[in-house]
């Protein structure tokens, strides 16, 4: 299986399956001499882990990361950083009913067609549990980005939408509720709605907004390696992501160019930021902001129609422990992938000029 490595200079390769002994990864290209805050890395993992509230999957995993190499006396050595997160609460029996059939909108069918074999226990390699390894790597990438602030938050669940712009929000309140929405009134509505969806045995989608502040000018290339293209690719690699909207996004098509253009201030900053912090594929020093759409989780705890391996029509019903809405737990994943892209492009930018 190809495609398990992300990045060019700052690279992470992940391994493991949802119901295997462990998941983990190897980070290569992290500069030597970086003092690591291991507690901050674990804190990001805790934000992603299952079982943290009533509106997420109740799988009970401690998700404690164990490092094996690349760190000595609290600092990176410049050598590969190997780590693992042990799985302790697998319930593989919950997936026996799908051994010979395919769940709609999951990777089951395409896995069988591509590889001729699949690990049906929790989706195996296609499980969103793989993203825990990304969070570890992203937490280290964050610590490479001195001064850069990355904040993601849930801005929509179903039709319940946060109407305020990110500039008017206190993003420090994001972690004050289970939904990870920085507006308490909206968060309360979202939480109530998610609980009602869970009670129905159904799921609902959501939107995460991410903002990166203090990103220096010059990250990204003008042709194929555009910064916003890399961010889009990173976000679309996350399980359940269906859309990526950057800067003014789709709303920008309703504006005239005279209104959409970001006029300059004398210091090179811009009066508006419809560009979303990137112009010509290169960061311009303004806030980078984007939205990511997550589909409803495919596993519903209801009876559904599907097919088996022979193509026969069969009925099945979702079982096991699943998120009724993936957005709250995906917030640290979005931040991690953002940090991985920015750290990689920061290192690449050092070779731009003498």
Protein backbone atom coordinates (compact mmCIF):
# COMPACT_ATOMS: atom_id res chain seq x y z
CA UNK A 1 0.00 0.00 0.00
CA UNK A 2 1.43 3.35 -1.07
CA UNK A 3 0.60 6.82 0.18
CA UNK A 4 1.48 6.57 3.88
CA UNK A 5 3.95 9.49 3.94
CA UNK A 6 3.13 13.20 4.04
CA UNK A 7 5.48 16.13 3.45
CA UNK A 8 8.70 16.93 1.58
CA UNK A 9 11.33 18.03 4.12
CA UNK A 10 9.28 17.71 7.30
CA UNK A 11 7.79 14.27 6.68
CA UNK A 12 5.63 11.88 8.63
CA UNK A 13 4.94 8.24 7.77
CA UNK A 14 2.17 6.57 9.74
CA UNK A 15 1.42 2.90 10.38
CA UNK A 16 -1.14 0.68 12.07
CA UNK A 17 -4.80 -0.26 11.97
CA UNK A 18 -7.78 0.60 14.12
CA UNK A 19 -7.91 -2.83 15.75
CA UNK A 20 -4.23 -3.76 15.60
CA UNK A 21 -1.82 -3.64 18.54
CA UNK A 22 -0.82 -0.03 17.95
CA UNK A 23 -0.77 2.89 15.58
CA UNK A 24 2.16 5.24 15.23
CA UNK A 25 4.62 6.92 12.94
CA UNK A 26 8.07 8.13 12.06
CA UNK A 27 8.80 11.84 11.69
CA UNK A 28 11.78 12.66 9.50
CA UNK A 29 13.30 16.07 8.83
CA UNK A 30 12.53 17.72 12.16
CA UNK A 31 15.44 20.10 12.87
CA UNK A 32 17.82 19.21 15.71
CA UNK A 33 17.91 21.20 18.94
CA UNK A 34 14.17 21.85 19.26
CA UNK A 35 13.11 21.70 22.90
CA UNK A 36 9.88 19.70 22.95
CA UNK A 37 6.97 20.27 25.28
CA UNK A 38 5.83 16.65 25.63
CA UNK A 39 2.84 17.66 27.73
CA UNK A 40 1.57 19.88 24.90
CA UNK A 41 1.84 16.96 22.49
CA UNK A 42 -0.19 14.74 24.82
CA UNK A 43 -2.71 17.54 25.36
CA UNK A 44 -3.43 17.67 21.62
CA UNK A 45 -3.87 13.89 21.60
CA UNK A 46 -6.30 14.17 24.50
CA UNK A 47 -8.37 16.63 22.46
CA UNK A 48 -8.73 14.03 19.70
CA UNK A 49 -9.14 10.86 21.73
CA UNK A 50 -12.46 8.96 21.87
CA UNK A 51 -14.69 8.84 24.92
CA UNK A 52 -14.09 12.43 25.99
CA UNK A 53 -17.76 13.52 26.03
CA UNK A 54 -21.31 12.28 25.52
CA UNK A 55 -21.39 13.44 21.88
CA UNK A 56 -18.47 11.34 20.59
CA UNK A 57 -17.70 7.64 20.24
CA UNK A 58 -17.53 5.90 23.61
CA UNK A 59 -14.49 3.79 22.74
CA UNK A 60 -12.23 4.20 25.77
CA UNK A 61 -8.66 4.71 24.61
CA UNK A 62 -6.09 6.53 26.79
CA UNK A 63 -4.13 7.44 23.62
CA UNK A 64 -0.83 7.92 25.42
CA UNK A 65 2.04 8.47 23.00
CA UNK A 66 5.34 6.67 23.56
CA UNK A 67 8.49 7.98 21.85
CA UNK A 68 11.28 5.60 20.87
CA UNK A 69 13.87 7.73 19.09
CA UNK A 70 14.90 11.18 17.93
CA UNK A 71 14.63 12.86 21.34
CA UNK A 72 17.38 13.17 23.93
CA UNK A 73 17.26 15.20 27.12
CA UNK A 74 14.05 16.84 25.96
CA UNK A 75 15.42 18.02 22.61
CA UNK A 76 15.16 16.72 19.08
CA UNK A 77 18.38 15.16 17.78
CA UNK A 78 17.66 15.60 14.08
CA UNK A 79 17.27 11.84 13.62
CA UNK A 80 13.92 10.15 12.87
CA UNK A 81 11.40 10.48 15.69
CA UNK A 82 9.63 7.15 16.15
CA UNK A 83 6.49 6.88 18.26
CA UNK A 84 3.51 4.62 18.94
CA UNK A 85 0.06 4.83 20.50
CA UNK A 86 -1.15 1.46 21.77
CA UNK A 87 -4.71 0.30 21.13
CA UNK A 88 -6.25 -0.99 24.34
CA UNK A 89 -10.02 -1.00 23.84
CA UNK A 90 -10.72 -2.78 20.54
CA UNK A 91 -14.01 -4.65 20.22
CA UNK A 92 -13.47 -6.48 16.95
CA UNK A 93 -16.59 -8.58 17.48
CA UNK A 94 -18.65 -5.45 16.80
CA UNK A 95 -17.62 -5.76 13.14
CA UNK A 96 -18.22 -9.46 12.51
CA UNK A 97 -21.54 -8.69 10.82
CA UNK A 98 -19.80 -6.83 7.97
CA UNK A 99 -17.15 -9.45 7.25
CA UNK A 100 -18.90 -10.51 4.05
CA UNK A 101 -20.82 -7.32 3.18
CA UNK A 102 -20.03 -3.69 2.46
CA UNK A 103 -21.07 -0.63 4.45
CA UNK A 104 -22.43 2.14 2.19
CA UNK A 105 -20.11 5.17 1.82
CA UNK A 106 -17.24 3.36 3.56
CA UNK A 107 -14.00 2.16 1.99
CA UNK A 108 -15.04 -1.51 2.32
CA UNK A 109 -15.96 -2.15 -1.31
CA UNK A 110 -13.10 -0.24 -2.93
CA UNK A 111 -10.58 -1.93 -0.60
CA UNK A 112 -11.76 -5.35 -1.70
CA UNK A 113 -11.64 -4.32 -5.35
CA UNK A 114 -8.19 -2.70 -5.09
CA UNK A 115 -6.35 -5.12 -2.80
CA UNK A 116 -8.45 -8.30 -2.95
CA UNK A 117 -8.43 -8.30 0.84
CA UNK A 118 -9.57 -6.02 3.65
CA UNK A 119 -9.40 -5.71 7.41
CA UNK A 120 -13.09 -5.36 8.26
CA UNK A 121 -12.41 -4.61 11.95
CA UNK A 122 -13.24 -0.94 12.27
CA UNK A 123 -12.12 -0.21 8.73
CA UNK A 124 -8.51 -1.25 9.37
CA UNK A 125 -6.14 1.25 7.77
CA UNK A 126 -8.99 3.43 6.49
CA UNK A 127 -10.22 4.07 10.03
CA UNK A 128 -10.09 7.64 11.31
CA UNK A 129 -8.08 6.26 14.23
CA UNK A 130 -5.01 6.69 11.98
CA UNK A 131 -5.36 10.45 12.47
CA UNK A 132 -4.06 10.17 16.04
CA UNK A 133 -0.60 9.68 14.56
CA UNK A 134 -1.04 12.86 12.53
CA UNK A 135 -1.92 14.76 15.69
CA UNK A 136 1.37 13.71 17.30
CA UNK A 137 3.37 14.81 14.27
CA UNK A 138 1.36 18.02 13.96
CA UNK A 139 1.91 18.86 17.63
CA UNK A 140 5.66 18.66 17.04
CA UNK A 141 5.31 20.72 13.85
CA UNK A 142 3.49 23.40 15.86
CA UNK A 143 6.53 23.69 18.10
CA UNK A 144 8.70 24.30 15.02
CA UNK A 145 6.53 27.26 14.07
CA UNK A 146 7.66 29.85 16.60
CA UNK A 147 5.14 32.70 16.77
CA UNK A 148 2.59 31.11 14.43
CA UNK A 149 -0.83 30.58 16.01
CA UNK A 150 -3.14 27.90 14.60
CA UNK A 151 -6.72 27.78 15.86
CA UNK A 152 -9.50 25.60 14.49
CA UNK A 153 -13.09 25.47 15.71
CA UNK A 154 -16.49 24.04 14.78
CA UNK A 155 -18.46 26.70 12.90
CA UNK A 156 -21.42 24.61 11.72
CA UNK A 157 -23.27 21.41 12.61
CA UNK A 158 -26.02 20.46 10.19
CA UNK A 159 -27.97 23.67 9.53
CA UNK A 160 -26.85 25.30 12.80
CA UNK A 161 -24.26 27.83 11.71
CA UNK A 162 -22.04 30.24 13.60
CA UNK A 163 -22.80 33.56 11.90
CA UNK A 164 -19.98 35.61 13.46
CA UNK A 165 -16.68 36.03 11.61
CA UNK A 166 -13.61 34.57 13.28
CA UNK A 167 -12.28 38.09 13.93
CA UNK A 168 -15.16 38.82 16.30
CA UNK A 169 -14.82 35.58 18.27
CA UNK A 170 -12.77 34.80 21.36
CA UNK A 171 -11.02 31.69 20.07
CA UNK A 172 -9.70 30.93 23.56
CA UNK A 173 -13.24 29.73 24.34
CA UNK A 174 -13.09 26.92 21.77
CA UNK A 175 -12.17 24.31 24.38
CA UNK A 176 -14.82 25.49 26.85
CA UNK A 177 -17.46 23.10 25.50
CA UNK A 178 -17.72 19.61 24.03
CA UNK A 179 -18.56 20.84 20.51
CA UNK A 180 -15.48 23.09 20.31
CA UNK A 181 -17.42 26.12 19.12
CA UNK A 182 -16.17 29.42 20.61
CA UNK A 183 -19.70 30.86 20.91
CA UNK A 184 -21.42 29.28 23.91
CA UNK A 185 -25.00 29.92 22.76
CA UNK A 186 -24.39 28.35 19.36
CA UNK A 187 -22.39 25.52 20.94
CA UNK A 188 -25.31 24.67 23.22
CA UNK A 189 -27.66 24.41 20.23
CA UNK A 190 -25.16 22.25 18.36
CA UNK A 191 -24.69 19.90 21.32
CA UNK A 192 -28.43 19.46 21.82
CA UNK A 193 -28.85 18.72 18.13
CA UNK A 194 -26.00 16.18 18.04
CA UNK A 195 -27.48 14.37 21.04
CA UNK A 196 -30.87 14.16 19.30
CA UNK A 197 -29.22 12.80 16.14
CA UNK A 198 -27.35 10.19 18.21
CA UNK A 199 -30.59 9.12 19.88
CA UNK A 200 -32.06 8.46 16.41
CA UNK A 201 -29.11 6.19 15.60
CA UNK A 202 -28.13 8.62 12.86
CA UNK A 203 -25.26 11.02 12.14
CA UNK A 204 -24.80 14.61 10.97
CA UNK A 205 -22.05 16.58 9.24
CA UNK A 206 -20.30 19.80 10.16
CA UNK A 207 -17.86 22.52 9.19
CA UNK A 208 -14.55 23.39 10.84
CA UNK A 209 -12.97 26.81 10.36
CA UNK A 210 -9.20 27.13 10.78
CA UNK A 211 -7.17 30.32 11.22
CA UNK A 212 -3.37 30.59 11.11
CA UNK A 213 -1.97 33.89 12.36
CA UNK A 214 1.55 35.35 12.10
CA UNK A 215 2.51 33.21 9.12
CA UNK A 216 5.52 34.92 7.49
CA UNK A 217 5.47 36.25 3.94
CA UNK A 218 6.93 33.94 1.31
CA UNK A 219 5.70 30.40 2.02
CA UNK A 220 4.62 28.53 -1.09
CA UNK A 221 5.49 28.51 -4.77
CA UNK A 222 3.72 30.22 -7.69
CA UNK A 223 3.03 27.21 -9.91
CA UNK A 224 2.35 23.68 -8.66
CA UNK A 225 3.34 23.94 -4.99
CA UNK A 226 0.95 26.74 -4.04
CA UNK A 227 0.50 27.06 -0.29
CA UNK A 228 -3.30 26.99 -0.39
CA UNK A 229 -3.23 23.98 -2.72
CA UNK A 230 -1.06 22.10 -0.23
CA UNK A 231 -3.40 23.05 2.60
CA UNK A 232 -6.36 21.88 0.54
CA UNK A 233 -4.67 18.57 -0.19
CA UNK A 234 -3.84 18.12 3.49
CA UNK A 235 -7.41 18.76 4.58
CA UNK A 236 -8.90 16.52 1.91
CA UNK A 237 -6.67 13.69 3.15
CA UNK A 238 -8.59 13.69 6.46
CA UNK A 239 -11.33 11.07 6.77
CA UNK A 240 -14.86 12.30 5.94
CA UNK A 241 -13.76 15.65 4.45
CA UNK A 242 -15.89 16.61 1.45
CA UNK A 243 -14.99 20.24 0.84
CA UNK A 244 -12.30 22.90 1.26
CA UNK A 245 -13.06 26.62 0.99
CA UNK A 246 -10.25 29.15 1.15
CA UNK A 247 -10.44 32.89 1.83
CA UNK A 248 -13.59 34.38 0.31
CA UNK A 249 -14.30 30.94 -1.16
CA UNK A 250 -17.54 30.42 -3.04
CA UNK A 251 -18.97 33.69 -1.72
CA UNK A 252 -16.32 35.52 -3.71
CA UNK A 253 -18.08 34.74 -6.99
CA UNK A 254 -20.86 37.17 -6.04
CA UNK A 255 -18.43 40.10 -5.77
CA UNK A 256 -17.00 42.39 -8.42
CA UNK A 257 -13.24 42.46 -8.79
CA UNK A 258 -13.11 46.10 -7.67
CA UNK A 259 -14.65 45.08 -4.33
CA UNK A 260 -12.81 41.77 -3.99
CA UNK A 261 -9.28 43.13 -4.53
CA UNK A 262 -7.29 43.49 -1.29
CA UNK A 263 -5.92 47.04 -1.30
CA UNK A 264 -2.46 47.52 0.22
CA UNK A 265 -1.41 49.48 3.29
CA UNK A 266 1.98 51.18 3.23
CA UNK A 267 3.60 48.33 5.21
CA UNK A 268 2.54 45.69 2.67
CA UNK A 269 -0.42 44.40 4.69
CA UNK A 270 -3.86 44.63 3.11
CA UNK A 271 -6.99 46.53 4.12
CA UNK A 272 -9.16 43.47 3.49
CA UNK A 273 -8.25 39.80 3.33
CA UNK A 274 -10.48 38.13 0.75
CA UNK A 275 -7.32 36.35 -0.47
CA UNK A 276 -7.18 34.38 2.77
CA UNK A 277 -3.53 35.19 3.43
CA UNK A 278 -2.24 33.73 0.15
CA UNK A 279 -1.69 35.51 -3.17
CA UNK A 280 -0.19 33.85 -6.22
CA UNK A 281 0.25 30.69 -4.17
CA UNK A 282 2.51 32.50 -1.67
CA UNK A 283 1.68 33.62 1.87
CA UNK A 284 1.39 37.41 2.18
CA UNK A 285 1.59 37.77 5.97
CA UNK A 286 -2.14 38.18 6.55
CA UNK A 287 -4.26 35.66 8.44
CA UNK A 288 -4.70 32.37 6.59
CA UNK A 289 -8.26 31.11 7.01
CA UNK A 290 -10.33 28.35 5.46
CA UNK A 291 -13.36 26.12 6.00
CA UNK A 292 -13.49 22.32 5.81
CA UNK A 293 -16.74 20.41 5.30
CA UNK A 294 -17.14 17.00 6.98
CA UNK A 295 -19.81 14.60 5.78
CA UNK A 296 -22.13 12.76 8.17
CA UNK A 297 -20.32 9.69 9.56
CA UNK A 298 -21.15 6.77 7.27
CA UNK A 299 -21.94 4.27 10.05
CA UNK A 300 -25.53 4.71 11.19
CA UNK A 301 -27.04 2.54 13.92
CA UNK A 302 -30.05 1.74 11.74
CA UNK A 303 -30.95 -1.02 9.34
CA UNK A 304 -29.77 -0.33 5.80
CA UNK A 305 -29.67 -1.98 2.38
CA UNK A 306 -26.34 -3.09 0.93
CA UNK A 307 -24.67 -5.94 -0.99
CA UNK A 308 -22.43 -8.84 -0.02
CA UNK A 309 -19.24 -10.02 -1.74
CA UNK A 310 -21.23 -11.91 -4.35
CA UNK A 311 -23.32 -8.86 -5.20
CA UNK A 312 -26.45 -10.15 -3.49
CA UNK A 313 -28.77 -7.60 -1.91
CA UNK A 314 -28.69 -7.91 1.88
CA UNK A 315 -29.81 -5.95 4.91
CA UNK A 316 -27.43 -4.93 7.68
CA UNK A 317 -27.37 -2.70 10.72
CA UNK A 318 -24.60 -0.55 12.10
CA UNK A 319 -23.08 -1.66 15.39
CA UNK A 320 -20.21 -0.58 17.59
CA UNK A 321 -19.11 2.80 18.90
CA UNK A 322 -19.15 5.70 16.48
CA UNK A 323 -19.25 9.51 16.45
CA UNK A 324 -22.69 10.98 15.68
CA UNK A 325 -20.78 14.03 14.40
CA UNK A 326 -17.07 13.88 13.64
CA UNK A 327 -16.42 17.65 13.65
CA UNK A 328 -15.68 18.18 17.38
CA UNK A 329 -12.94 15.54 17.48
CA UNK A 330 -11.56 16.61 14.09
CA UNK A 331 -10.56 20.10 15.33
CA UNK A 332 -7.08 19.03 16.55
CA UNK A 333 -6.62 16.97 13.36
CA UNK A 334 -7.22 20.05 11.21
CA UNK A 335 -4.74 22.03 13.31
CA UNK A 336 -2.19 19.22 13.03
CA UNK A 337 -2.39 19.00 9.23
CA UNK A 338 -2.15 22.80 8.99
CA UNK A 339 0.98 22.76 11.14
CA UNK A 340 2.55 19.96 9.07
CA UNK A 341 2.06 21.94 5.86
CA UNK A 342 3.38 25.20 7.33
CA UNK A 343 6.42 23.54 8.96
CA UNK A 344 7.29 21.81 5.70
CA UNK A 345 6.95 24.99 3.67
CA UNK A 346 8.93 26.94 6.27
CA UNK A 347 11.86 24.56 5.84
CA UNK A 348 11.53 24.61 2.05
CA UNK A 349 11.55 28.41 2.06
CA UNK A 350 15.04 28.48 3.61
CA UNK A 351 16.43 27.39 0.23
CA UNK A 352 14.67 30.18 -1.70
CA UNK A 353 17.49 32.72 -1.80
CA UNK A 354 20.92 33.48 -0.35
